[in-house]
C-alpha atoms as a PDB file:
ATOM      1  CA  MET A   1       0.000   0.000   0.000  1.00  0.00           C
ATOM      2  CA  PHE A   2       2.847   2.379   0.778  1.00  0.00           C
ATOM      3  CA  PHE A   3       4.320   1.719  -2.670  1.00  0.00           C
ATOM      4  CA  LEU A   4       1.033   2.520  -4.416  1.00  0.00           C
ATOM      5  CA  ALA A   5       0.565   5.688  -2.355  1.00  0.00           C
ATOM      6  CA  SER A   6       4.110   6.756  -3.240  1.00  0.00           C
ATOM      7  CA  LEU A   7       3.465   6.178  -6.946  1.00  0.00           C
ATOM      8  CA  LEU A   8       0.275   8.211  -6.779  1.00  0.00           C
ATOM      9  CA  LYS A   9       2.096  11.048  -5.012  1.00  0.00           C
ATOM     10  CA  ILE A  10       4.868  11.079  -7.624  1.00  0.00           C
ATOM     11  CA  TYR A  11       2.298  11.010 -10.428  1.00  0.00           C
ATOM     12  CA  GLY A  12       0.535  13.972  -8.806  1.00  0.00           C
ATOM     13  CA  TYR A  13       3.791  15.899  -8.798  1.00  0.00           C
ATOM     14  CA  ILE A  14       4.323  15.077 -12.473  1.00  0.00           C
ATOM     15  CA  ILE A  15       0.860  16.437 -13.259  1.00  0.00           C
ATOM     16  CA  ILE A  16       1.678  19.637 -11.345  1.00  0.00           C
ATOM     17  CA  VAL A  17       4.910  20.018 -13.329  1.00  0.00           C
ATOM     18  CA  ARG A  18       2.963  19.519 -16.564  1.00  0.00           C
ATOM     19  CA  ALA A  19       0.465  22.214 -15.563  1.00  0.00           C
ATOM     20  CA  ILE A  20       3.239  24.682 -14.690  1.00  0.00           C
ATOM     21  CA  ILE A  21       5.084  23.952 -17.930  1.00  0.00           C
ATOM     22  CA  SER A  22       1.898  24.608 -19.909  1.00  0.00           C
ATOM     23  CA  TRP A  23       1.845  28.196 -18.626  1.00  0.00           C
ATOM     24  CA  VAL A  24       5.029  28.985 -20.532  1.00  0.00           C
ATOM     25  CA  ASN A  25       5.671  28.290 -24.189  1.00  0.00           C
ATOM     26  CA  PRO A  26       7.910  25.196 -24.008  1.00  0.00           C
ATOM     27  CA  ASN A  27       9.830  23.676 -26.876  1.00  0.00           C
ATOM     28  CA  PRO A  28       7.617  20.784 -28.072  1.00  0.00           C
ATOM     29  CA  HIS A  29      10.701  18.853 -29.211  1.00  0.00           C
ATOM     30  CA  ASN A  30      12.194  18.723 -25.715  1.00  0.00           C
ATOM     31  CA  PRO A  31      12.581  15.039 -24.756  1.00  0.00           C
ATOM     32  CA  LEU A  32      11.695  15.681 -21.094  1.00  0.00           C
ATOM     33  CA  LEU A  33       8.498  17.490 -22.086  1.00  0.00           C
ATOM     34  CA  ARG A  34       7.586  14.634 -24.434  1.00  0.00           C
ATOM     35  CA  LEU A  35       8.108  12.145 -21.608  1.00  0.00           C
ATOM     36  CA  ILE A  36       5.942  14.155 -19.210  1.00  0.00           C
ATOM     37  CA  CYS A  37       3.192  14.444 -21.828  1.00  0.00           C
ATOM     38  CA  ALA A  38       3.380  10.727 -22.647  1.00  0.00           C
ATOM     39  CA  VAL A  39       3.029   9.852 -18.968  1.00  0.00           C
ATOM     40  CA  THR A  40       0.208  12.270 -18.136  1.00  0.00           C
ATOM     41  CA  ASP A  41      -1.882  12.249 -21.340  1.00  0.00           C
ATOM     42  CA  PRO A  42      -3.534   8.856 -20.665  1.00  0.00           C
ATOM     43  CA  VAL A  43      -5.087  10.334 -17.509  1.00  0.00           C
ATOM     44  CA  LEU A  44      -5.673  13.936 -18.568  1.00  0.00           C
ATOM     45  CA  GLU A  45      -7.228  13.309 -21.998  1.00  0.00           C
ATOM     46  CA  PRO A  46     -10.306  11.376 -20.729  1.00  0.00           C
ATOM     47  CA  ILE A  47     -10.846  14.036 -18.063  1.00  0.00           C
ATOM     48  CA  ARG A  48     -10.667  16.769 -20.738  1.00  0.00           C
ATOM     49  CA  ARG A  49     -13.326  14.969 -22.784  1.00  0.00           C
ATOM     50  CA  LEU A  50     -15.653  14.817 -19.765  1.00  0.00           C
ATOM     51  CA  LEU A  51     -15.263  18.457 -18.740  1.00  0.00           C
ATOM     52  CA  PRO A  52     -17.190  21.228 -20.510  1.00  0.00           C
ATOM     53  CA  ASP A  53     -15.321  23.745 -22.653  1.00  0.00           C
ATOM     54  CA  MET A  54     -13.954  26.433 -20.331  1.00  0.00           C
ATOM     55  CA  GLY A  55     -12.791  28.843 -23.041  1.00  0.00           C
ATOM     56  CA  GLY A  56      -9.133  27.872 -23.080  1.00  0.00           C
ATOM     57  CA  LEU A  57      -8.853  27.175 -19.351  1.00  0.00           C
ATOM     58  CA  ASP A  58      -7.725  23.602 -18.739  1.00  0.00           C
ATOM     59  CA  ILE A  59      -8.720  22.386 -15.286  1.00  0.00           C
ATOM     60  CA  SER A  60      -8.071  18.719 -16.030  1.00  0.00           C
ATOM     61  CA  PRO A  61      -4.806  18.693 -14.003  1.00  0.00           C
ATOM     62  CA  PHE A  62      -6.723  20.024 -10.988  1.00  0.00           C
ATOM     63  CA  VAL A  63      -9.398  17.344 -11.387  1.00  0.00           C
ATOM     64  CA  ALA A  64      -6.746  14.640 -11.819  1.00  0.00           C
ATOM     65  CA  ILE A  65      -4.955  15.738  -8.654  1.00  0.00           C
ATOM     66  CA  LEU A  66      -8.250  15.713  -6.741  1.00  0.00           C
ATOM     67  CA  ILE A  67      -8.871  12.152  -7.942  1.00  0.00           C
ATOM     68  CA  ILE A  68      -5.359  11.164  -6.871  1.00  0.00           C
ATOM     69  CA  TRP A  69      -5.913  12.664  -3.404  1.00  0.00           C
ATOM     70  CA  VAL A  70      -9.172  10.743  -3.055  1.00  0.00           C
ATOM     71  CA  LEU A  71      -7.455   7.515  -4.113  1.00  0.00           C
ATOM     72  CA  MET A  72      -4.631   8.145  -1.652  1.00  0.00           C
ATOM     73  CA  SER A  73      -7.091   8.714   1.186  1.00  0.00           C
ATOM     74  CA  LEU A  74      -8.835   5.437   0.341  1.00  0.00           C
ATOM     75  CA  ILE A  75      -5.583   3.484   0.449  1.00  0.00           C
END
């Protein structure tokens, strides 16, 4: 259980980094950015499809982190 909670915490941090990076105009060819996007897109994309259009405001990282916190509290 500790291992799963640790993985969820690390994944939450990766999502936070992705959200912060999206505020600037990063180089899309950066290998680290590609890795972060490849790791977080499988979770963020379904959440984006479920959320209504917010006029350019992406709150999917916030929703994903809330889900992670709920999962961590259940563990």
